[in-house]
Every structure is written in structure tokens, then in C-alpha cells.
Amino acid sequence: MDRKGWRITGIVQGVGFRYFVLREGKRAGLRGYVRNLPDGSVEIAASGPEESLKDFEKTISVGPPQAAVYEVRAFDVPEGLERRGGFDIEY
């Protein structure tokens, strides 16, 4: 299992972005989370097969129709994410 994280900036809060990510993460069979950050960005961390993570990154880089993704910055996620029970929204 590979792990990857992303910080998404743009118009991504209050437009259903987290629910879009939740649905897409579950559909891809990934484990992880999505959460809003105080600065208006969204943080996503996921674990799963490398190809699934690549496809997921392409999907979240576009987002739902109501969102406007300006930047996607990847970051390394520490071990342990793969032990999560699924994909969730964190508050």
C-alpha cells in the first residue's frame, strides 16, 4: 500500500468538495480522510494501490463542478493511515 497526501487550495470549502472527495475515495477503495483547514484549504490523505492513488489525484485536482481548484500540493503521509477502516470526513 502506498500513502499520499494533498493540500488543495481554491474555492473548496462550502461547495461540497469534502463530500465529493469522500465519494471518490470510497469508490477507489482507498483509506484515509479529507478535512477543511482553518486557512480555507482542504487536506486529503489516502492510502491504497499506487495506480488508484494516481487516478484519485487526477480526480481531486478537478473537483466537483461548484469548486475551483487553484493548486494541489502533495505531501508525504506517515505510516499508519493504511490501518484506518475506510475513507472519512474529519472535523
N, C-alpha and C. Protein backbone atom coordinates (compact mmCIF):
# COMPACT_ATOMS: atom_id res chain seq x y z
N MET A 1 0.84 -1.19 0.00
CA MET A 1 0.00 0.00 0.00
C MET A 1 0.88 1.25 0.00
N ASP A 2 0.57 2.16 -0.87
CA ASP A 2 1.24 3.45 -0.90
C ASP A 2 0.41 4.47 -0.13
N ARG A 3 1.04 5.56 0.28
CA ARG A 3 0.36 6.64 1.00
C ARG A 3 0.72 7.97 0.35
N LYS A 4 -0.27 8.86 0.31
CA LYS A 4 -0.02 10.18 -0.25
C LYS A 4 -0.99 11.18 0.36
N GLY A 5 -0.55 12.41 0.46
CA GLY A 5 -1.41 13.48 0.95
C GLY A 5 -1.40 14.65 -0.01
N TRP A 6 -2.47 15.44 0.06
CA TRP A 6 -2.59 16.62 -0.80
C TRP A 6 -3.21 17.76 -0.01
N ARG A 7 -2.76 18.95 -0.30
CA ARG A 7 -3.40 20.16 0.23
C ARG A 7 -3.94 20.91 -0.98
N ILE A 8 -5.25 21.13 -0.95
CA ILE A 8 -5.95 21.73 -2.08
C ILE A 8 -6.34 23.16 -1.72
N THR A 9 -5.98 24.10 -2.58
CA THR A 9 -6.39 25.49 -2.38
C THR A 9 -7.29 25.91 -3.54
N GLY A 10 -8.12 26.89 -3.26
CA GLY A 10 -9.06 27.40 -4.25
C GLY A 10 -10.41 27.62 -3.59
N ILE A 11 -11.46 27.53 -4.35
CA ILE A 11 -12.81 27.61 -3.81
C ILE A 11 -13.22 26.16 -3.53
N VAL A 12 -12.85 25.69 -2.33
CA VAL A 12 -13.00 24.28 -2.00
C VAL A 12 -13.71 24.05 -0.66
N GLN A 13 -14.16 25.10 -0.03
CA GLN A 13 -14.95 24.94 1.19
C GLN A 13 -16.33 25.53 0.94
N GLY A 14 -17.34 24.81 1.43
CA GLY A 14 -18.71 25.28 1.26
C GLY A 14 -19.30 24.98 -0.11
N VAL A 15 -18.64 24.10 -0.88
CA VAL A 15 -19.13 23.78 -2.23
C VAL A 15 -19.28 22.27 -2.43
N GLY A 16 -19.28 21.50 -1.35
CA GLY A 16 -19.43 20.06 -1.44
C GLY A 16 -18.15 19.32 -1.78
N PHE A 17 -17.02 19.99 -1.68
CA PHE A 17 -15.75 19.37 -2.05
C PHE A 17 -15.42 18.17 -1.18
N ARG A 18 -15.61 18.27 0.14
CA ARG A 18 -15.29 17.14 1.03
C ARG A 18 -16.16 15.92 0.70
N TYR A 19 -17.43 16.13 0.41
CA TYR A 19 -18.32 15.01 0.10
C TYR A 19 -17.96 14.39 -1.24
N PHE A 20 -17.52 15.21 -2.18
CA PHE A 20 -17.02 14.72 -3.46
C PHE A 20 -15.80 13.83 -3.24
N VAL A 21 -14.85 14.30 -2.43
CA VAL A 21 -13.64 13.53 -2.13
C VAL A 21 -13.99 12.24 -1.40
N LEU A 22 -14.90 12.33 -0.44
CA LEU A 22 -15.35 11.14 0.29
C LEU A 22 -15.88 10.08 -0.67
N ARG A 23 -16.77 10.48 -1.56
CA ARG A 23 -17.37 9.56 -2.52
C ARG A 23 -16.30 8.95 -3.43
N GLU A 24 -15.40 9.78 -3.93
CA GLU A 24 -14.37 9.30 -4.85
C GLU A 24 -13.36 8.40 -4.14
N GLY A 25 -13.02 8.73 -2.90
CA GLY A 25 -12.10 7.89 -2.12
C GLY A 25 -12.68 6.53 -1.85
N LYS A 26 -13.96 6.49 -1.50
CA LYS A 26 -14.63 5.21 -1.26
C LYS A 26 -14.74 4.41 -2.56
N ARG A 27 -15.09 5.09 -3.63
CA ARG A 27 -15.23 4.41 -4.92
C ARG A 27 -13.90 3.78 -5.37
N ALA A 28 -12.79 4.45 -5.05
CA ALA A 28 -11.47 3.94 -5.42
C ALA A 28 -10.96 2.88 -4.45
N GLY A 29 -11.70 2.64 -3.36
CA GLY A 29 -11.27 1.65 -2.38
C GLY A 29 -10.12 2.10 -1.51
N LEU A 30 -9.95 3.42 -1.35
CA LEU A 30 -8.86 3.97 -0.57
C LEU A 30 -9.22 4.08 0.90
N ARG A 31 -8.22 4.21 1.72
CA ARG A 31 -8.41 4.51 3.14
C ARG A 31 -7.81 5.89 3.37
N GLY A 32 -8.44 6.65 4.26
CA GLY A 32 -7.89 7.97 4.54
C GLY A 32 -8.94 8.93 5.02
N TYR A 33 -8.67 10.21 4.79
CA TYR A 33 -9.57 11.26 5.28
C TYR A 33 -9.48 12.50 4.41
N VAL A 34 -10.47 13.35 4.57
CA VAL A 34 -10.48 14.68 3.99
C VAL A 34 -10.97 15.62 5.09
N ARG A 35 -10.37 16.80 5.18
CA ARG A 35 -10.82 17.77 6.19
C ARG A 35 -10.53 19.19 5.73
N ASN A 36 -11.39 20.10 6.18
CA ASN A 36 -11.18 21.52 5.96
C ASN A 36 -10.10 22.02 6.91
N LEU A 37 -9.30 22.96 6.45
CA LEU A 37 -8.30 23.60 7.29
C LEU A 37 -8.71 25.05 7.55
N PRO A 38 -8.26 25.62 8.66
CA PRO A 38 -8.68 26.98 9.02
C PRO A 38 -8.36 28.05 7.97
N ASP A 39 -7.36 27.83 7.13
CA ASP A 39 -6.98 28.84 6.14
C ASP A 39 -7.82 28.79 4.86
N GLY A 40 -8.83 27.90 4.83
CA GLY A 40 -9.70 27.80 3.66
C GLY A 40 -9.32 26.71 2.69
N SER A 41 -8.21 26.03 2.95
CA SER A 41 -7.79 24.92 2.09
C SER A 41 -8.38 23.62 2.60
N VAL A 42 -8.16 22.55 1.86
CA VAL A 42 -8.62 21.21 2.23
C VAL A 42 -7.42 20.28 2.23
N GLU A 43 -7.34 19.43 3.25
CA GLU A 43 -6.28 18.43 3.35
C GLU A 43 -6.87 17.05 3.11
N ILE A 44 -6.17 16.28 2.30
CA ILE A 44 -6.59 14.92 1.98
C ILE A 44 -5.40 14.00 2.20
N ALA A 45 -5.61 12.87 2.84
CA ALA A 45 -4.58 11.84 2.97
C ALA A 45 -5.22 10.51 2.62
N ALA A 46 -4.51 9.71 1.83
CA ALA A 46 -5.08 8.44 1.39
C ALA A 46 -4.00 7.38 1.26
N SER A 47 -4.43 6.14 1.42
CA SER A 47 -3.53 5.01 1.18
C SER A 47 -4.27 4.00 0.31
N GLY A 48 -3.49 3.31 -0.52
CA GLY A 48 -4.05 2.32 -1.42
C GLY A 48 -3.06 1.98 -2.50
N PRO A 49 -3.47 1.23 -3.50
CA PRO A 49 -2.59 0.88 -4.61
C PRO A 49 -2.13 2.14 -5.36
N GLU A 50 -0.91 2.11 -5.83
CA GLU A 50 -0.31 3.27 -6.50
C GLU A 50 -1.18 3.79 -7.64
N GLU A 51 -1.69 2.90 -8.48
CA GLU A 51 -2.50 3.32 -9.63
C GLU A 51 -3.80 4.00 -9.17
N SER A 52 -4.41 3.49 -8.11
CA SER A 52 -5.63 4.09 -7.57
C SER A 52 -5.35 5.49 -7.04
N LEU A 53 -4.20 5.67 -6.39
CA LEU A 53 -3.84 6.99 -5.87
C LEU A 53 -3.59 7.98 -7.00
N LYS A 54 -2.98 7.53 -8.08
CA LYS A 54 -2.74 8.41 -9.24
C LYS A 54 -4.06 8.86 -9.85
N ASP A 55 -4.98 7.92 -10.03
CA ASP A 55 -6.30 8.27 -10.59
C ASP A 55 -7.06 9.20 -9.66
N PHE A 56 -6.98 8.93 -8.36
CA PHE A 56 -7.65 9.77 -7.35
C PHE A 56 -7.10 11.19 -7.39
N GLU A 57 -5.78 11.33 -7.53
CA GLU A 57 -5.16 12.65 -7.59
C GLU A 57 -5.68 13.44 -8.80
N LYS A 58 -5.83 12.78 -9.93
CA LYS A 58 -6.38 13.45 -11.11
C LYS A 58 -7.80 13.93 -10.84
N THR A 59 -8.59 13.11 -10.18
CA THR A 59 -9.99 13.45 -9.88
C THR A 59 -10.08 14.63 -8.93
N ILE A 60 -9.31 14.61 -7.84
CA ILE A 60 -9.40 15.70 -6.86
C ILE A 60 -8.79 16.99 -7.39
N SER A 61 -7.94 16.89 -8.40
CA SER A 61 -7.35 18.09 -9.00
C SER A 61 -8.37 18.88 -9.80
N VAL A 62 -9.47 18.24 -10.15
CA VAL A 62 -10.56 18.90 -10.87
C VAL A 62 -11.67 19.29 -9.89
N GLY A 63 -12.07 18.34 -9.03
CA GLY A 63 -13.12 18.60 -8.05
C GLY A 63 -14.50 18.59 -8.67
N PRO A 64 -15.51 18.85 -7.84
CA PRO A 64 -16.89 18.91 -8.34
C PRO A 64 -17.13 20.20 -9.12
N PRO A 65 -18.22 20.27 -9.86
CA PRO A 65 -18.48 21.46 -10.70
C PRO A 65 -18.52 22.79 -9.93
N GLN A 66 -18.96 22.77 -8.67
CA GLN A 66 -19.10 24.01 -7.90
C GLN A 66 -17.75 24.53 -7.39
N ALA A 67 -16.73 23.68 -7.38
CA ALA A 67 -15.42 24.04 -6.84
C ALA A 67 -14.53 24.64 -7.92
N ALA A 68 -13.50 25.33 -7.46
CA ALA A 68 -12.44 25.82 -8.34
C ALA A 68 -11.11 25.50 -7.67
N VAL A 69 -10.43 24.50 -8.18
CA VAL A 69 -9.14 24.09 -7.61
C VAL A 69 -8.05 24.94 -8.23
N TYR A 70 -7.33 25.68 -7.38
CA TYR A 70 -6.25 26.54 -7.86
C TYR A 70 -4.89 25.85 -7.78
N GLU A 71 -4.69 25.07 -6.71
CA GLU A 71 -3.39 24.43 -6.53
C GLU A 71 -3.56 23.12 -5.76
N VAL A 72 -2.76 22.13 -6.15
CA VAL A 72 -2.72 20.83 -5.47
C VAL A 72 -1.27 20.59 -5.09
N ARG A 73 -1.00 20.58 -3.78
CA ARG A 73 0.36 20.34 -3.29
C ARG A 73 0.40 18.98 -2.60
N ALA A 74 1.28 18.11 -3.05
CA ALA A 74 1.41 16.78 -2.46
C ALA A 74 2.34 16.83 -1.24
N PHE A 75 2.09 15.93 -0.29
CA PHE A 75 2.98 15.78 0.85
C PHE A 75 3.02 14.32 1.27
N ASP A 76 4.08 13.95 1.97
CA ASP A 76 4.22 12.57 2.45
C ASP A 76 3.37 12.36 3.68
N VAL A 77 2.77 11.21 3.75
CA VAL A 77 1.91 10.83 4.87
C VAL A 77 2.63 9.75 5.68
N PRO A 78 2.70 9.91 7.00
CA PRO A 78 3.38 8.89 7.80
C PRO A 78 2.63 7.57 7.82
N GLU A 79 3.33 6.52 8.18
CA GLU A 79 2.72 5.20 8.29
C GLU A 79 1.55 5.21 9.24
N GLY A 80 0.65 4.27 9.06
CA GLY A 80 -0.49 4.12 9.95
C GLY A 80 -1.81 4.42 9.27
N LEU A 81 -1.79 5.21 8.23
CA LEU A 81 -3.02 5.57 7.52
C LEU A 81 -3.71 4.33 6.96
N GLU A 82 -2.91 3.37 6.54
CA GLU A 82 -3.48 2.17 5.93
C GLU A 82 -4.26 1.31 6.93
N ARG A 83 -4.13 1.60 8.22
CA ARG A 83 -4.88 0.85 9.23
C ARG A 83 -6.28 1.43 9.49
N ARG A 84 -6.59 2.52 8.86
CA ARG A 84 -7.93 3.09 9.01
C ARG A 84 -8.98 2.14 8.45
N GLY A 85 -10.19 2.28 8.90
CA GLY A 85 -11.26 1.41 8.46
C GLY A 85 -11.87 1.76 7.13
N GLY A 86 -11.53 2.87 6.55
CA GLY A 86 -12.12 3.28 5.28
C GLY A 86 -11.72 4.71 4.98
N PHE A 87 -12.59 5.42 4.30
CA PHE A 87 -12.34 6.81 3.94
C PHE A 87 -13.40 7.66 4.64
N ASP A 88 -13.00 8.71 5.35
CA ASP A 88 -13.91 9.50 6.17
C ASP A 88 -13.67 11.00 6.03
N ILE A 89 -14.66 11.77 6.45
CA ILE A 89 -14.51 13.20 6.63
C ILE A 89 -14.12 13.42 8.09
N GLU A 90 -13.05 14.16 8.31
CA GLU A 90 -12.65 14.52 9.68
C GLU A 90 -13.08 15.96 9.93
N TYR A 91 -13.54 16.19 11.13
CA TYR A 91 -13.99 17.54 11.51
C TYR A 91 -13.06 18.15 12.52
